[in-house]
C-alpha atoms as a PDB file:
ATOM      1  CA  MET A   1     159.830 131.744 267.202  1.00  0.00           C
ATOM      2  CA  ALA A   2     162.582 129.350 268.181  1.00  0.00           C
ATOM      3  CA  CYS A   3     162.936 127.052 271.173  1.00  0.00           C
ATOM      4  CA  ASP A   4     165.756 127.059 273.683  1.00  0.00           C
ATOM      5  CA  VAL A   5     167.590 124.244 271.861  1.00  0.00           C
ATOM      6  CA  VAL A   6     167.661 126.257 268.635  1.00  0.00           C
ATOM      7  CA  TRP A   7     168.790 129.392 270.456  1.00  0.00           C
ATOM      8  CA  ALA A   8     171.651 127.442 272.052  1.00  0.00           C
ATOM      9  CA  GLU A   9     172.718 125.975 268.702  1.00  0.00           C
ATOM     10  CA  VAL A  10     172.551 129.318 266.887  1.00  0.00           C
ATOM     11  CA  ALA A  11     174.304 131.194 269.703  1.00  0.00           C
ATOM     12  CA  SER A  12     177.313 128.898 269.417  1.00  0.00           C
ATOM     13  CA  PHE A  13     178.206 130.604 266.112  1.00  0.00           C
ATOM     14  CA  PHE A  14     178.549 134.032 267.751  1.00  0.00           C
ATOM     15  CA  GLN A  15     181.430 135.439 269.769  1.00  0.00           C
ATOM     16  CA  THR A  16     179.206 136.269 272.743  1.00  0.00           C
ATOM     17  CA  PRO A  17     175.723 135.337 273.966  1.00  0.00           C
ATOM     18  CA  GLU A  18     174.797 139.006 273.736  1.00  0.00           C
ATOM     19  CA  ALA A  19     175.720 139.104 270.035  1.00  0.00           C
ATOM     20  CA  ALA A  20     173.547 136.048 269.398  1.00  0.00           C
ATOM     21  CA  ASP A  21     170.628 137.573 271.298  1.00  0.00           C
ATOM     22  CA  GLU A  22     170.982 140.829 269.369  1.00  0.00           C
ATOM     23  CA  ALA A  23     171.011 138.995 266.012  1.00  0.00           C
ATOM     24  CA  MET A  24     167.960 136.899 266.852  1.00  0.00           C
ATOM     25  CA  ASN A  25     166.095 139.993 268.042  1.00  0.00           C
ATOM     26  CA  ARG A  26     167.081 141.877 264.881  1.00  0.00           C
ATOM     27  CA  LEU A  27     165.626 139.019 262.833  1.00  0.00           C
ATOM     28  CA  GLY A  28     162.441 139.124 264.900  1.00  0.00           C
ATOM     29  CA  VAL A  29     162.901 135.613 266.290  1.00  0.00           C
ATOM     30  CA  GLU A  30     161.001 135.192 269.543  1.00  0.00           C
ATOM     31  CA  PHE A  31     162.348 132.947 272.328  1.00  0.00           C
ATOM     32  CA  SER A  32     159.854 130.175 273.115  1.00  0.00           C
ATOM     33  CA  PRO A  33     161.034 127.637 275.712  1.00  0.00           C
ATOM     34  CA  ILE A  34     159.981 124.027 275.380  1.00  0.00           C
ATOM     35  CA  GLU A  35     156.921 123.244 277.472  1.00  0.00           C
ATOM     36  CA  LEU A  36     156.596 120.041 279.492  1.00  0.00           C
ATOM     37  CA  LYS A  37     154.037 118.601 277.057  1.00  0.00           C
ATOM     38  CA  ALA A  38     156.461 119.014 274.147  1.00  0.00           C
ATOM     39  CA  ALA A  39     159.393 117.589 276.128  1.00  0.00           C
ATOM     40  CA  LEU A  40     157.386 114.485 276.989  1.00  0.00           C
ATOM     41  CA  ALA A  41     156.277 114.094 273.361  1.00  0.00           C
ATOM     42  CA  ALA A  42     159.922 114.371 272.293  1.00  0.00           C
ATOM     43  CA  SER A  43     160.915 111.622 274.709  1.00  0.00           C
ATOM     44  CA  ALA A  44     158.207 109.287 273.382  1.00  0.00           C
ATOM     45  CA  THR A  45     159.255 109.938 269.784  1.00  0.00           C
ATOM     46  CA  TRP A  46     162.947 109.476 270.674  1.00  0.00           C
ATOM     47  CA  ARG A  47     162.099 106.141 272.332  1.00  0.00           C
ATOM     48  CA  ALA A  48     160.151 105.004 269.243  1.00  0.00           C
ATOM     49  CA  TYR A  49     163.052 106.016 266.993  1.00  0.00           C
ATOM     50  CA  ARG A  50     165.591 104.065 269.064  1.00  0.00           C
ATOM     51  CA  THR A  51     163.263 101.040 269.366  1.00  0.00           C
ATOM     52  CA  ARG A  52     162.989 100.905 265.568  1.00  0.00           C
ATOM     53  CA  GLY A  53     166.766 100.743 265.337  1.00  0.00           C
ATOM     54  CA  GLY A  54     167.443 104.444 264.920  1.00  0.00           C
ATOM     55  CA  ARG A  55     171.127 105.245 265.335  1.00  0.00           C
ATOM     56  CA  ARG A  56     172.586 107.757 267.709  1.00  0.00           C
ATOM     57  CA  GLY A  57     173.388 110.027 264.757  1.00  0.00           C
ATOM     58  CA  ARG A  58     170.151 111.702 265.752  1.00  0.00           C
ATOM     59  CA  VAL A  59     170.276 113.378 269.114  1.00  0.00           C
ATOM     60  CA  VAL A  60     167.414 114.106 271.452  1.00  0.00           C
ATOM     61  CA  ALA A  61     167.722 117.815 270.553  1.00  0.00           C
ATOM     62  CA  ASP A  62     166.303 116.989 267.099  1.00  0.00           C
ATOM     63  CA  PHE A  63     163.257 115.458 268.765  1.00  0.00           C
ATOM     64  CA  LEU A  64     162.862 118.410 271.131  1.00  0.00           C
ATOM     65  CA  ILE A  65     162.896 120.806 268.177  1.00  0.00           C
ATOM     66  CA  GLY A  66     160.297 118.757 266.290  1.00  0.00           C
ATOM     67  CA  ALA A  67     158.008 118.337 269.289  1.00  0.00           C
ATOM     68  CA  HIS A  68     158.257 122.052 270.104  1.00  0.00           C
ATOM     69  CA  ALA A  69     157.304 122.947 266.541  1.00  0.00           C
ATOM     70  CA  VAL A  70     154.311 120.565 266.560  1.00  0.00           C
ATOM     71  CA  SER A  71     152.876 121.728 269.868  1.00  0.00           C
ATOM     72  CA  GLN A  72     153.995 125.345 270.154  1.00  0.00           C
ATOM     73  CA  ALA A  73     154.520 126.661 266.608  1.00  0.00           C
ATOM     74  CA  GLU A  74     152.786 126.562 263.257  1.00  0.00           C
ATOM     75  CA  ARG A  75     155.667 125.156 261.217  1.00  0.00           C
ATOM     76  CA  LEU A  76     159.375 124.379 261.129  1.00  0.00           C
ATOM     77  CA  VAL A  77     161.986 125.795 258.781  1.00  0.00           C
ATOM     78  CA  THR A  78     164.687 123.181 258.176  1.00  0.00           C
ATOM     79  CA  ARG A  79     166.808 121.618 255.454  1.00  0.00           C
ATOM     80  CA  ASP A  80     166.269 118.204 257.082  1.00  0.00           C
ATOM     81  CA  ARG A  81     162.800 117.497 255.736  1.00  0.00           C
ATOM     82  CA  GLY A  82     162.922 113.705 255.598  1.00  0.00           C
ATOM     83  CA  PHE A  83     163.536 113.195 259.300  1.00  0.00           C
ATOM     84  CA  TYR A  84     160.973 115.683 260.531  1.00  0.00           C
ATOM     85  CA  ARG A  85     158.338 114.502 258.048  1.00  0.00           C
ATOM     86  CA  ALA A  86     158.887 110.881 259.134  1.00  0.00           C
ATOM     87  CA  TYR A  87     158.735 111.441 262.884  1.00  0.00           C
ATOM     88  CA  PHE A  88     156.450 114.490 263.094  1.00  0.00           C
ATOM     89  CA  SER A  89     153.892 113.843 260.372  1.00  0.00           C
ATOM     90  CA  ARG A  90     151.516 116.591 261.576  1.00  0.00           C
ATOM     91  CA  LEU A  91     154.267 119.183 261.274  1.00  0.00           C
ATOM     92  CA  LYS A  92     154.298 121.647 258.383  1.00  0.00           C
ATOM     93  CA  VAL A  93     157.910 121.640 257.198  1.00  0.00           C
ATOM     94  CA  LEU A  94     159.348 124.481 255.118  1.00  0.00           C
ATOM     95  CA  GLU A  95     162.700 124.304 253.367  1.00  0.00           C
ATOM     96  CA  PRO A  96     164.730 127.551 253.159  1.00  0.00           C
ATOM     97  CA  GLY A  97     164.867 128.958 249.661  1.00  0.00           C
ATOM     98  CA  LYS A  98     161.805 127.053 248.428  1.00  0.00           C
ATOM     99  CA  ALA A  99     158.373 128.582 247.918  1.00  0.00           C
END
Protein backbone atom coordinates (compact mmCIF):
# COMPACT_ATOMS: atom_id res chain seq x y z
CA MET A 1 0.00 0.00 0.00
CA ALA A 2 1.05 3.60 -0.46
CA CYS A 3 -0.38 6.81 0.96
CA ASP A 4 -1.64 9.76 -1.02
CA VAL A 5 1.68 11.61 -0.68
CA VAL A 6 3.57 8.70 -2.24
CA TRP A 7 1.01 8.37 -5.03
CA ALA A 8 1.38 12.08 -5.82
CA GLU A 9 5.18 11.84 -5.87
CA VAL A 10 5.22 8.71 -8.04
CA ALA A 11 2.56 10.05 -10.42
CA SER A 12 4.72 13.07 -11.21
CA PHE A 13 7.06 10.78 -13.19
CA PHE A 14 4.29 9.71 -15.59
CA GLN A 15 2.86 11.57 -18.57
CA THR A 16 -0.70 11.34 -17.25
CA PRO A 17 -2.41 10.54 -13.94
CA GLU A 18 -4.08 7.61 -15.65
CA ALA A 19 -0.71 6.13 -16.63
CA ALA A 20 0.49 6.43 -13.03
CA ASP A 21 -2.68 4.79 -11.71
CA GLU A 22 -2.35 1.96 -14.22
CA ALA A 23 1.30 1.35 -13.25
CA MET A 24 0.56 1.32 -9.53
CA ASN A 25 -2.36 -1.05 -10.07
CA ARG A 26 -0.19 -3.32 -12.23
CA LEU A 27 2.33 -3.47 -9.39
CA GLY A 28 -0.44 -4.29 -6.93
CA VAL A 29 0.04 -1.11 -4.90
CA GLU A 30 -3.12 -0.23 -3.00
CA PHE A 31 -4.09 3.41 -2.38
CA SER A 32 -4.33 4.11 1.36
CA PRO A 33 -5.07 7.74 2.28
CA ILE A 34 -3.54 9.19 5.42
CA GLU A 35 -5.92 9.01 8.36
CA LEU A 36 -6.34 11.88 10.82
CA LYS A 37 -4.44 10.01 13.55
CA ALA A 38 -1.41 9.62 11.27
CA ALA A 39 -1.57 13.25 10.11
CA LEU A 40 -1.57 14.47 13.70
CA ALA A 41 1.33 12.16 14.58
CA ALA A 42 3.23 13.53 11.58
CA SER A 43 2.68 17.09 12.77
CA ALA A 44 3.99 16.27 16.26
CA THR A 45 7.07 14.58 14.83
CA TRP A 46 7.65 17.47 12.40
CA ARG A 47 7.43 19.93 15.32
CA ALA A 48 9.94 17.88 17.34
CA TYR A 49 12.30 17.74 14.36
CA ARG A 50 12.17 21.52 13.84
CA THR A 51 12.51 22.21 17.59
CA ARG A 52 15.70 20.13 17.66
CA GLY A 53 17.13 22.30 14.90
CA GLY A 54 16.09 20.17 11.94
CA ARG A 55 16.52 22.03 8.67
CA ARG A 56 13.87 22.56 6.07
CA GLY A 57 15.64 20.06 3.80
CA ARG A 58 13.07 17.67 5.21
CA VAL A 59 9.54 18.47 4.22
CA VAL A 60 6.36 17.60 6.05
CA ALA A 61 5.61 14.99 3.34
CA ASP A 62 8.46 12.86 4.74
CA PHE A 63 6.78 12.93 8.14
CA LEU A 64 3.37 12.11 6.65
CA ILE A 65 4.85 9.09 4.89
CA GLY A 66 6.54 7.86 8.07
CA ALA A 67 3.48 8.38 10.26
CA HIS A 68 1.25 6.64 7.69
CA ALA A 69 3.59 3.65 7.61
CA VAL A 70 3.69 3.41 11.43
CA SER A 71 -0.06 3.60 11.95
CA GLN A 72 -1.52 2.15 8.76
CA ALA A 73 1.07 -0.23 7.29
CA GLU A 74 3.42 -2.94 8.46
CA ARG A 75 6.64 -1.48 7.09
CA LEU A 76 8.20 1.11 4.79
CA VAL A 77 10.37 0.50 1.75
CA THR A 78 12.85 3.38 1.38
CA ARG A 79 16.48 4.14 0.64
CA ASP A 80 16.42 6.81 3.37
CA ARG A 81 16.80 4.53 6.37
CA GLY A 82 18.59 6.88 8.75
CA PHE A 83 15.86 9.51 8.84
CA TYR A 84 12.96 7.12 9.23
CA ARG A 85 14.76 5.02 11.84
CA ALA A 86 15.58 8.16 13.85
CA TYR A 87 12.11 9.70 13.83
CA PHE A 88 9.91 6.60 13.57
CA SER A 89 11.71 4.08 15.76
CA ARG A 90 8.77 1.63 15.83
CA LEU A 91 8.75 1.45 12.05
CA LYS A 92 10.15 -1.58 10.24
CA VAL A 93 12.26 -0.11 7.45
CA LEU A 94 13.24 -2.14 4.38
CA GLU A 95 15.83 -1.01 1.86
CA PRO A 96 15.22 -1.96 -1.80
CA GLY A 97 17.62 -4.60 -3.04
CA LYS A 98 18.55 -5.84 0.45
CA ALA A 99 17.26 -9.05 2.01
